[in-house]
Amino acid sequence: MQSYHTLSQAPPSDAIVVRLYRSGNMVKGYVRRATRQGENDTIFPGEEMDPESALMLARSHAEGAPIYVELLEDVKWDDRWGLLDPPQESPRLR
């Protein structure tokens, strides 16, 4: 089962981040690759999608690197999506 990390502060450069949020009564998400501070993040593909699709897209772009998850509003993690580690210190920005 895939493991994800809760994002508690700014992600390190090149980290893959899945943001899960409410859109009406549904949970939606999008995926971004974090860049250096002051630069614009890369968003894949720039549209909202269901959580499973967003997490699958993140895995395909992570190339083995950790994947961070942001849970916004009142979104609760669904264990069917994988394992979510509790918040921890992220590596410092480069």
PDB file of N, CA and C in Angstrom:
ATOM      1  N   MET A   1       0.848  -1.180   0.000  1.00  0.00           N
ATOM      2  CA  MET A   1       0.000   0.000   0.000  1.00  0.00           C
ATOM      3  C   MET A   1       0.891   1.240   0.000  1.00  0.00           C
ATOM      4  N   GLN A   2       0.529   2.217  -0.823  1.00  0.00           N
ATOM      5  CA  GLN A   2       1.300   3.447  -0.962  1.00  0.00           C
ATOM      6  C   GLN A   2       1.244   4.259   0.324  1.00  0.00           C
ATOM      7  N   SER A   3       2.365   4.879   0.665  1.00  0.00           N
ATOM      8  CA  SER A   3       2.451   5.730   1.841  1.00  0.00           C
ATOM      9  C   SER A   3       2.640   7.177   1.411  1.00  0.00           C
ATOM     10  N   TYR A   4       1.948   8.084   2.086  1.00  0.00           N
ATOM     11  CA  TYR A   4       2.016   9.520   1.811  1.00  0.00           C
ATOM     12  C   TYR A   4       2.390  10.240   3.097  1.00  0.00           C
ATOM     13  N   HIS A   5       2.838  11.486   2.967  1.00  0.00           N
ATOM     14  CA  HIS A   5       3.254  12.283   4.115  1.00  0.00           C
ATOM     15  C   HIS A   5       2.375  13.521   4.224  1.00  0.00           C
ATOM     16  N   THR A   6       1.919  13.832   5.424  1.00  0.00           N
ATOM     17  CA  THR A   6       1.146  15.044   5.655  1.00  0.00           C
ATOM     18  C   THR A   6       2.077  16.243   5.553  1.00  0.00           C
ATOM     19  N   LEU A   7       1.666  17.230   4.781  1.00  0.00           N
ATOM     20  CA  LEU A   7       2.471  18.434   4.618  1.00  0.00           C
ATOM     21  C   LEU A   7       2.121  19.412   5.727  1.00  0.00           C
ATOM     22  N   SER A   8       3.107  19.745   6.558  1.00  0.00           N
ATOM     23  CA  SER A   8       2.847  20.642   7.678  1.00  0.00           C
ATOM     24  C   SER A   8       3.535  21.997   7.509  1.00  0.00           C
ATOM     25  N   GLN A   9       4.408  22.122   6.523  1.00  0.00           N
ATOM     26  CA  GLN A   9       5.076  23.393   6.233  1.00  0.00           C
ATOM     27  C   GLN A   9       5.433  23.399   4.751  1.00  0.00           C
ATOM     28  N   ALA A  10       6.173  24.391   4.308  1.00  0.00           N
ATOM     29  CA  ALA A  10       6.522  24.479   2.885  1.00  0.00           C
ATOM     30  C   ALA A  10       7.259  23.216   2.449  1.00  0.00           C
ATOM     31  N   PRO A  11       6.874  22.662   1.308  1.00  0.00           N
ATOM     32  CA  PRO A  11       7.534  21.433   0.839  1.00  0.00           C
ATOM     33  C   PRO A  11       8.928  21.728   0.286  1.00  0.00           C
ATOM     34  N   PRO A  12       9.796  20.732   0.271  1.00  0.00           N
ATOM     35  CA  PRO A  12      11.109  20.930  -0.336  1.00  0.00           C
ATOM     36  C   PRO A  12      10.977  21.078  -1.849  1.00  0.00           C
ATOM     37  N   SER A  13      11.960  21.690  -2.481  1.00  0.00           N
ATOM     38  CA  SER A  13      11.968  21.836  -3.937  1.00  0.00           C
ATOM     39  C   SER A  13      11.842  20.476  -4.598  1.00  0.00           C
ATOM     40  N   ASP A  14      11.092  20.421  -5.669  1.00  0.00           N
ATOM     41  CA  ASP A  14      10.843  19.222  -6.471  1.00  0.00           C
ATOM     42  C   ASP A  14       9.939  18.203  -5.801  1.00  0.00           C
ATOM     43  N   ALA A  15       9.383  18.519  -4.634  1.00  0.00           N
ATOM     44  CA  ALA A  15       8.446  17.602  -3.985  1.00  0.00           C
ATOM     45  C   ALA A  15       7.135  17.575  -4.762  1.00  0.00           C
ATOM     46  N   ILE A  16       6.479  16.430  -4.761  1.00  0.00           N
ATOM     47  CA  ILE A  16       5.154  16.296  -5.346  1.00  0.00           C
ATOM     48  C   ILE A  16       4.141  16.477  -4.213  1.00  0.00           C
ATOM     49  N   VAL A  17       3.166  17.363  -4.434  1.00  0.00           N
ATOM     50  CA  VAL A  17       2.165  17.675  -3.413  1.00  0.00           C
ATOM     51  C   VAL A  17       0.775  17.471  -4.001  1.00  0.00           C
ATOM     52  N   VAL A  18      -0.057  16.728  -3.272  1.00  0.00           N
ATOM     53  CA  VAL A  18      -1.457  16.538  -3.650  1.00  0.00           C
ATOM     54  C   VAL A  18      -2.293  17.364  -2.686  1.00  0.00           C
ATOM     55  N   ARG A  19      -3.064  18.284  -3.224  1.00  0.00           N
ATOM     56  CA  ARG A  19      -3.950  19.110  -2.395  1.00  0.00           C
ATOM     57  C   ARG A  19      -5.362  18.553  -2.541  1.00  0.00           C
ATOM     58  N   LEU A  20      -5.959  18.155  -1.422  1.00  0.00           N
ATOM     59  CA  LEU A  20      -7.327  17.641  -1.403  1.00  0.00           C
ATOM     60  C   LEU A  20      -8.218  18.660  -0.703  1.00  0.00           C
ATOM     61  N   TYR A  21      -9.339  19.009  -1.319  1.00  0.00           N
ATOM     62  CA  TYR A  21     -10.207  20.064  -0.825  1.00  0.00           C
ATOM     63  C   TYR A  21     -11.653  19.764  -1.198  1.00  0.00           C
ATOM     64  N   ARG A  22     -12.568  20.520  -0.643  1.00  0.00           N
ATOM     65  CA  ARG A  22     -13.993  20.356  -0.935  1.00  0.00           C
ATOM     66  C   ARG A  22     -14.372  21.217  -2.133  1.00  0.00           C
ATOM     67  N   SER A  23     -15.179  20.626  -2.993  1.00  0.00           N
ATOM     68  CA  SER A  23     -15.800  21.335  -4.106  1.00  0.00           C
ATOM     69  C   SER A  23     -17.264  20.928  -4.065  1.00  0.00           C
ATOM     70  N   GLY A  24     -18.088  21.775  -3.472  1.00  0.00           N
ATOM     71  CA  GLY A  24     -19.473  21.394  -3.205  1.00  0.00           C
ATOM     72  C   GLY A  24     -19.482  20.310  -2.147  1.00  0.00           C
ATOM     73  N   ASN A  25     -20.140  19.190  -2.433  1.00  0.00           N
ATOM     74  CA  ASN A  25     -20.174  18.094  -1.459  1.00  0.00           C
ATOM     75  C   ASN A  25     -19.195  16.973  -1.831  1.00  0.00           C
ATOM     76  N   MET A  26     -18.276  17.261  -2.753  1.00  0.00           N
ATOM     77  CA  MET A  26     -17.310  16.249  -3.203  1.00  0.00           C
ATOM     78  C   MET A  26     -15.896  16.648  -2.799  1.00  0.00           C
ATOM     79  N   VAL A  27     -15.013  15.642  -2.646  1.00  0.00           N
ATOM     80  CA  VAL A  27     -13.596  15.898  -2.419  1.00  0.00           C
ATOM     81  C   VAL A  27     -12.917  15.881  -3.784  1.00  0.00           C
ATOM     82  N   LYS A  28     -12.142  16.898  -4.047  1.00  0.00           N
ATOM     83  CA  LYS A  28     -11.401  17.021  -5.294  1.00  0.00           C
ATOM     84  C   LYS A  28      -9.936  17.262  -4.956  1.00  0.00           C
ATOM     85  N   GLY A  29      -9.085  17.126  -5.948  1.00  0.00           N
ATOM     86  CA  GLY A  29      -7.675  17.348  -5.714  1.00  0.00           C
ATOM     87  C   GLY A  29      -6.964  17.807  -6.962  1.00  0.00           C
ATOM     88  N   TYR A  30      -5.763  18.325  -6.743  1.00  0.00           N
ATOM     89  CA  TYR A  30      -4.861  18.580  -7.850  1.00  0.00           C
ATOM     90  C   TYR A  30      -3.448  18.323  -7.385  1.00  0.00           C
ATOM     91  N   VAL A  31      -2.548  18.174  -8.344  1.00  0.00           N
ATOM     92  CA  VAL A  31      -1.173  17.785  -8.068  1.00  0.00           C
ATOM     93  C   VAL A  31      -0.245  18.897  -8.539  1.00  0.00           C
ATOM     94  N   ARG A  32       0.769  19.171  -7.730  1.00  0.00           N
ATOM     95  CA  ARG A  32       1.771  20.170  -8.128  1.00  0.00           C
ATOM     96  C   ARG A  32       3.161  19.689  -7.757  1.00  0.00           C
ATOM     97  N   ARG A  33       4.146  20.180  -8.482  1.00  0.00           N
ATOM     98  CA  ARG A  33       5.545  19.967  -8.128  1.00  0.00           C
ATOM     99  C   ARG A  33       6.028  21.287  -7.547  1.00  0.00           C
ATOM    100  N   ALA A  34       6.506  21.238  -6.324  1.00  0.00           N
ATOM    101  CA  ALA A  34       6.987  22.444  -5.651  1.00  0.00           C
ATOM    102  C   ALA A  34       8.301  22.904  -6.285  1.00  0.00           C
ATOM    103  N   THR A  35       8.469  24.205  -6.371  1.00  0.00           N
ATOM    104  CA  THR A  35       9.695  24.779  -6.909  1.00  0.00           C
ATOM    105  C   THR A  35      10.381  25.584  -5.823  1.00  0.00           C
ATOM    106  N   ARG A  36      11.486  26.177  -6.173  1.00  0.00           N
ATOM    107  CA  ARG A  36      12.203  27.009  -5.198  1.00  0.00           C
ATOM    108  C   ARG A  36      11.338  28.202  -4.808  1.00  0.00           C
ATOM    109  N   GLN A  37      11.575  28.707  -3.628  1.00  0.00           N
ATOM    110  CA  GLN A  37      10.823  29.842  -3.123  1.00  0.00           C
ATOM    111  C   GLN A  37      10.924  30.998  -4.113  1.00  0.00           C
ATOM    112  N   GLY A  38       9.791  31.619  -4.414  1.00  0.00           N
ATOM    113  CA  GLY A  38       9.759  32.747  -5.340  1.00  0.00           C
ATOM    114  C   GLY A  38       9.450  32.348  -6.775  1.00  0.00           C
ATOM    115  N   GLU A  39       9.427  31.043  -7.070  1.00  0.00           N
ATOM    116  CA  GLU A  39       9.085  30.566  -8.404  1.00  0.00           C
ATOM    117  C   GLU A  39       7.682  29.969  -8.367  1.00  0.00           C
ATOM    118  N   ASN A  40       7.034  29.885  -9.520  1.00  0.00           N
ATOM    119  CA  ASN A  40       5.697  29.296  -9.601  1.00  0.00           C
ATOM    120  C   ASN A  40       5.791  27.782  -9.654  1.00  0.00           C
ATOM    121  N   ASP A  41       4.973  27.106  -8.845  1.00  0.00           N
ATOM    122  CA  ASP A  41       4.915  25.646  -8.865  1.00  0.00           C
ATOM    123  C   ASP A  41       4.362  25.163 -10.201  1.00  0.00           C
ATOM    124  N   THR A  42       4.720  23.941 -10.583  1.00  0.00           N
ATOM    125  CA  THR A  42       4.168  23.297 -11.764  1.00  0.00           C
ATOM    126  C   THR A  42       2.927  22.528 -11.343  1.00  0.00           C
ATOM    127  N   ILE A  43       1.820  22.737 -12.035  1.00  0.00           N
ATOM    128  CA  ILE A  43       0.568  22.049 -11.700  1.00  0.00           C
ATOM    129  C   ILE A  43       0.263  21.051 -12.800  1.00  0.00           C
ATOM    130  N   PHE A  44      -0.058  19.804 -12.401  1.00  0.00           N
ATOM    131  CA  PHE A  44      -0.400  18.734 -13.337  1.00  0.00           C
ATOM    132  C   PHE A  44      -1.852  18.351 -13.143  1.00  0.00           C
ATOM    133  N   PRO A  45      -2.682  18.265 -14.044  1.00  0.00           N
ATOM    134  CA  PRO A  45      -2.703  18.939 -15.339  1.00  0.00           C
ATOM    135  C   PRO A  45      -3.370  20.289 -15.276  1.00  0.00           C
ATOM    136  N   GLY A  46      -3.594  20.848 -14.092  1.00  0.00           N
ATOM    137  CA  GLY A  46      -4.198  22.163 -13.983  1.00  0.00           C
ATOM    138  C   GLY A  46      -5.708  22.131 -13.844  1.00  0.00           C
ATOM    139  N   GLU A  47      -6.256  20.976 -13.565  1.00  0.00           N
ATOM    140  CA  GLU A  47      -7.701  20.854 -13.359  1.00  0.00           C
ATOM    141  C   GLU A  47      -7.944  19.961 -12.156  1.00  0.00           C
ATOM    142  N   GLU A  48      -9.092  20.145 -11.517  1.00  0.00           N
ATOM    143  CA  GLU A  48      -9.389  19.312 -10.366  1.00  0.00           C
ATOM    144  C   GLU A  48      -9.798  17.913 -10.819  1.00  0.00           C
ATOM    145  N   MET A  49      -9.520  16.932  -9.960  1.00  0.00           N
ATOM    146  CA  MET A  49      -9.872  15.540 -10.262  1.00  0.00           C
ATOM    147  C   MET A  49     -10.228  14.840  -8.964  1.00  0.00           C
ATOM    148  N   ASP A  50     -10.756  13.627  -9.067  1.00  0.00           N
ATOM    149  CA  ASP A  50     -11.100  12.889  -7.856  1.00  0.00           C
ATOM    150  C   ASP A  50      -9.805  12.497  -7.130  1.00  0.00           C
ATOM    151  N   PRO A  51      -9.871  12.250  -5.814  1.00  0.00           N
ATOM    152  CA  PRO A  51      -8.664  11.960  -5.036  1.00  0.00           C
ATOM    153  C   PRO A  51      -7.848  10.786  -5.576  1.00  0.00           C
ATOM    154  N   GLU A  52      -8.511   9.703  -5.972  1.00  0.00           N
ATOM    155  CA  GLU A  52      -7.780   8.541  -6.477  1.00  0.00           C
ATOM    156  C   GLU A  52      -6.967   8.885  -7.721  1.00  0.00           C
ATOM    157  N   SER A  53      -7.555   9.658  -8.631  1.00  0.00           N
ATOM    158  CA  SER A  53      -6.844  10.065  -9.849  1.00  0.00           C
ATOM    159  C   SER A  53      -5.687  11.002  -9.526  1.00  0.00           C
ATOM    160  N   ALA A  54      -5.899  11.918  -8.587  1.00  0.00           N
ATOM    161  CA  ALA A  54      -4.839  12.844  -8.195  1.00  0.00           C
ATOM    162  C   ALA A  54      -3.662  12.085  -7.573  1.00  0.00           C
ATOM    163  N   LEU A  55      -3.952  11.120  -6.711  1.00  0.00           N
ATOM    164  CA  LEU A  55      -2.881  10.342  -6.078  1.00  0.00           C
ATOM    165  C   LEU A  55      -2.153   9.469  -7.097  1.00  0.00           C
ATOM    166  N   MET A  56      -2.878   8.920  -8.063  1.00  0.00           N
ATOM    167  CA  MET A  56      -2.252   8.109  -9.110  1.00  0.00           C
ATOM    168  C   MET A  56      -1.326   8.983  -9.968  1.00  0.00           C
ATOM    169  N   LEU A  57      -1.784  10.177 -10.310  1.00  0.00           N
ATOM    170  CA  LEU A  57      -0.961  11.103 -11.081  1.00  0.00           C
ATOM    171  C   LEU A  57       0.296  11.478 -10.295  1.00  0.00           C
ATOM    172  N   ALA A  58       0.137  11.722  -8.993  1.00  0.00           N
ATOM    173  CA  ALA A  58       1.288  12.063  -8.145  1.00  0.00           C
ATOM    174  C   ALA A  58       2.311  10.932  -8.150  1.00  0.00           C
ATOM    175  N   ARG A  59       1.852   9.702  -8.033  1.00  0.00           N
ATOM    176  CA  ARG A  59       2.785   8.559  -8.031  1.00  0.00           C
ATOM    177  C   ARG A  59       3.534   8.475  -9.353  1.00  0.00           C
ATOM    178  N   SER A  60       2.860   8.779 -10.453  1.00  0.00           N
ATOM    179  CA  SER A  60       3.526   8.677 -11.757  1.00  0.00           C
ATOM    180  C   SER A  60       4.576   9.766 -11.955  1.00  0.00           C
ATOM    181  N   HIS A  61       4.449  10.889 -11.257  1.00  0.00           N
ATOM    182  CA  HIS A  61       5.418  11.979 -11.390  1.00  0.00           C
ATOM    183  C   HIS A  61       6.473  11.991 -10.281  1.00  0.00           C
ATOM    184  N   ALA A  62       6.267  11.235  -9.220  1.00  0.00           N
ATOM    185  CA  ALA A  62       7.168  11.292  -8.061  1.00  0.00           C
ATOM    186  C   ALA A  62       8.499  10.605  -8.303  1.00  0.00           C
ATOM    187  N   GLU A  63       8.535   9.621  -9.177  1.00  0.00           N
ATOM    188  CA  GLU A  63       9.776   8.893  -9.472  1.00  0.00           C
ATOM    189  C   GLU A  63      10.451   8.399  -8.205  1.00  0.00           C
ATOM    190  N   GLY A  64       9.651   7.847  -7.283  1.00  0.00           N
ATOM    191  CA  GLY A  64      10.187   7.269  -6.054  1.00  0.00           C
ATOM    192  C   GLY A  64      10.360   8.247  -4.899  1.00  0.00           C
ATOM    193  N   ALA A  65      10.197   9.542  -5.150  1.00  0.00           N
ATOM    194  CA  ALA A  65      10.329  10.543  -4.086  1.00  0.00           C
ATOM    195  C   ALA A  65       9.080  10.533  -3.216  1.00  0.00           C
ATOM    196  N   PRO A  66       9.163  11.032  -1.985  1.00  0.00           N
ATOM    197  CA  PRO A  66       7.982  11.088  -1.125  1.00  0.00           C
ATOM    198  C   PRO A  66       6.902  11.985  -1.739  1.00  0.00           C
ATOM    199  N   ILE A  67       5.663  11.647  -1.455  1.00  0.00           N
ATOM    200  CA  ILE A  67       4.526  12.442  -1.905  1.00  0.00           C
ATOM    201  C   ILE A  67       3.882  13.048  -0.668  1.00  0.00           C
ATOM    202  N   TYR A  68       3.691  14.361  -0.700  1.00  0.00           N
ATOM    203  CA  TYR A  68       3.077  15.077   0.414  1.00  0.00           C
ATOM    204  C   TYR A  68       1.611  15.338   0.100  1.00  0.00           C
ATOM    205  N   VAL A  69       0.782  15.378   1.157  1.00  0.00           N
ATOM    206  CA  VAL A  69      -0.650  15.600   1.001  1.00  0.00           C
ATOM    207  C   VAL A  69      -1.064  16.779   1.873  1.00  0.00           C
ATOM    208  N   GLU A  70      -1.829  17.698   1.281  1.00  0.00           N
ATOM    209  CA  GLU A  70      -2.448  18.804   2.012  1.00  0.00           C
ATOM    210  C   GLU A  70      -3.938  18.511   2.100  1.00  0.00           C
ATOM    211  N   LEU A  71      -4.469  18.435   3.309  1.00  0.00           N
ATOM    212  CA  LEU A  71      -5.906  18.242   3.517  1.00  0.00           C
ATOM    213  C   LEU A  71      -6.492  19.588   3.916  1.00  0.00           C
ATOM    214  N   LEU A  72      -7.304  20.171   3.041  1.00  0.00           N
ATOM    215  CA  LEU A  72      -7.871  21.483   3.306  1.00  0.00           C
ATOM    216  C   LEU A  72      -9.299  21.365   3.797  1.00  0.00           C
ATOM    217  N   GLU A  73      -9.765  22.446   4.385  1.00  0.00           N
ATOM    218  CA  GLU A  73     -11.122  22.550   4.891  1.00  0.00           C
ATOM    219  C   GLU A  73     -11.406  21.387   5.842  1.00  0.00           C
ATOM    220  N   ASP A  74     -12.470  20.666   5.647  1.00  0.00           N
ATOM    221  CA  ASP A  74     -12.803  19.571   6.559  1.00  0.00           C
ATOM    222  C   ASP A  74     -12.553  18.206   5.928  1.00  0.00           C
ATOM    223  N   VAL A  75     -11.664  18.131   4.943  1.00  0.00           N
ATOM    224  CA  VAL A  75     -11.393  16.857   4.265  1.00  0.00           C
ATOM    225  C   VAL A  75     -10.696  15.908   5.236  1.00  0.00           C
ATOM    226  N   LYS A  76     -11.213  14.710   5.314  1.00  0.00           N
ATOM    227  CA  LYS A  76     -10.621  13.647   6.137  1.00  0.00           C
ATOM    228  C   LYS A  76      -9.978  12.620   5.223  1.00  0.00           C
ATOM    229  N   TRP A  77      -8.844  12.083   5.628  1.00  0.00           N
ATOM    230  CA  TRP A  77      -8.140  11.064   4.857  1.00  0.00           C
ATOM    231  C   TRP A  77      -8.963   9.780   4.829  1.00  0.00           C
ATOM    232  N   ASP A  78      -9.064   9.175   3.666  1.00  0.00           N
ATOM    233  CA  ASP A  78      -9.762   7.906   3.488  1.00  0.00           C
ATOM    234  C   ASP A  78      -8.687   6.817   3.385  1.00  0.00           C
ATOM    235  N   ASP A  79      -8.696   5.853   4.288  1.00  0.00           N
ATOM    236  CA  ASP A  79      -7.661   4.815   4.316  1.00  0.00           C
ATOM    237  C   ASP A  79      -7.592   3.993   3.034  1.00  0.00           C
ATOM    238  N   ARG A  80      -8.642   4.035   2.220  1.00  0.00           N
ATOM    239  CA  ARG A  80      -8.604   3.331   0.927  1.00  0.00           C
ATOM    240  C   ARG A  80      -7.600   3.977  -0.030  1.00  0.00           C
ATOM    241  N   TRP A  81      -7.220   5.231   0.231  1.00  0.00           N
ATOM    242  CA  TRP A  81      -6.272   5.938  -0.628  1.00  0.00           C
ATOM    243  C   TRP A  81      -4.829   5.523  -0.352  1.00  0.00           C
ATOM    244  N   GLY A  82      -4.563   4.928   0.788  1.00  0.00           N
ATOM    245  CA  GLY A  82      -3.208   4.543   1.173  1.00  0.00           C
ATOM    246  C   GLY A  82      -2.959   4.891   2.626  1.00  0.00           C
ATOM    247  N   LEU A  83      -1.688   4.885   3.019  1.00  0.00           N
ATOM    248  CA  LEU A  83      -1.293   5.219   4.390  1.00  0.00           C
ATOM    249  C   LEU A  83      -0.834   6.662   4.443  1.00  0.00           C
ATOM    250  N   LEU A  84      -1.333   7.420   5.416  1.00  0.00           N
ATOM    251  CA  LEU A  84      -0.939   8.812   5.578  1.00  0.00           C
ATOM    252  C   LEU A  84      -0.177   8.951   6.883  1.00  0.00           C
ATOM    253  N   ASP A  85       1.113   9.289   6.768  1.00  0.00           N
ATOM    254  CA  ASP A  85       1.947   9.514   7.950  1.00  0.00           C
ATOM    255  C   ASP A  85       1.519  10.801   8.633  1.00  0.00           C
ATOM    256  N   PRO A  86       1.696  10.885   9.942  1.00  0.00           N
ATOM    257  CA  PRO A  86       1.376  12.128  10.645  1.00  0.00           C
ATOM    258  C   PRO A  86       2.334  13.240  10.216  1.00  0.00           C
ATOM    259  N   PRO A  87       1.967  14.497  10.486  1.00  0.00           N
ATOM    260  CA  PRO A  87       2.851  15.619  10.114  1.00  0.00           C
ATOM    261  C   PRO A  87       4.235  15.433  10.697  1.00  0.00           C
ATOM    262  N   GLN A  88       5.222  15.841   9.919  1.00  0.00           N
ATOM    263  CA  GLN A  88       6.614  15.787  10.380  1.00  0.00           C
ATOM    264  C   GLN A  88       7.359  16.942   9.767  1.00  0.00           C
ATOM    265  N   GLU A  89       8.572  17.149  10.238  1.00  0.00           N
ATOM    266  CA  GLU A  89       9.411  18.208   9.691  1.00  0.00           C
ATOM    267  C   GLU A  89       9.757  17.877   8.247  1.00  0.00           C
ATOM    268  N   SER A  90       9.542  18.836   7.347  1.00  0.00           N
ATOM    269  CA  SER A  90       9.999  18.677   5.963  1.00  0.00           C
ATOM    270  C   SER A  90      11.449  19.139   5.876  1.00  0.00           C
ATOM    271  N   PRO A  91      12.212  18.600   4.929  1.00  0.00           N
ATOM    272  CA  PRO A  91      13.562  19.115   4.738  1.00  0.00           C
ATOM    273  C   PRO A  91      13.495  20.609   4.420  1.00  0.00           C
ATOM    274  N   ARG A  92      14.535  21.331   4.779  1.00  0.00           N
ATOM    275  CA  ARG A  92      14.562  22.778   4.515  1.00  0.00           C
ATOM    276  C   ARG A  92      14.560  23.055   3.025  1.00  0.00           C
ATOM    277  N   LEU A  93      13.985  24.210   2.677  1.00  0.00           N
ATOM    278  CA  LEU A  93      13.983  24.617   1.269  1.00  0.00           C
ATOM    279  C   LEU A  93      15.406  24.843   0.796  1.00  0.00           C
ATOM    280  N   ARG A  94      15.651  24.507  -0.471  1.00  0.00           N
ATOM    281  CA  ARG A  94      16.988  24.729  -1.048  1.00  0.00           C
ATOM    282  C   ARG A  94      17.073  26.086  -1.686  1.00  0.00           C
TER     283      ARG A  94
END
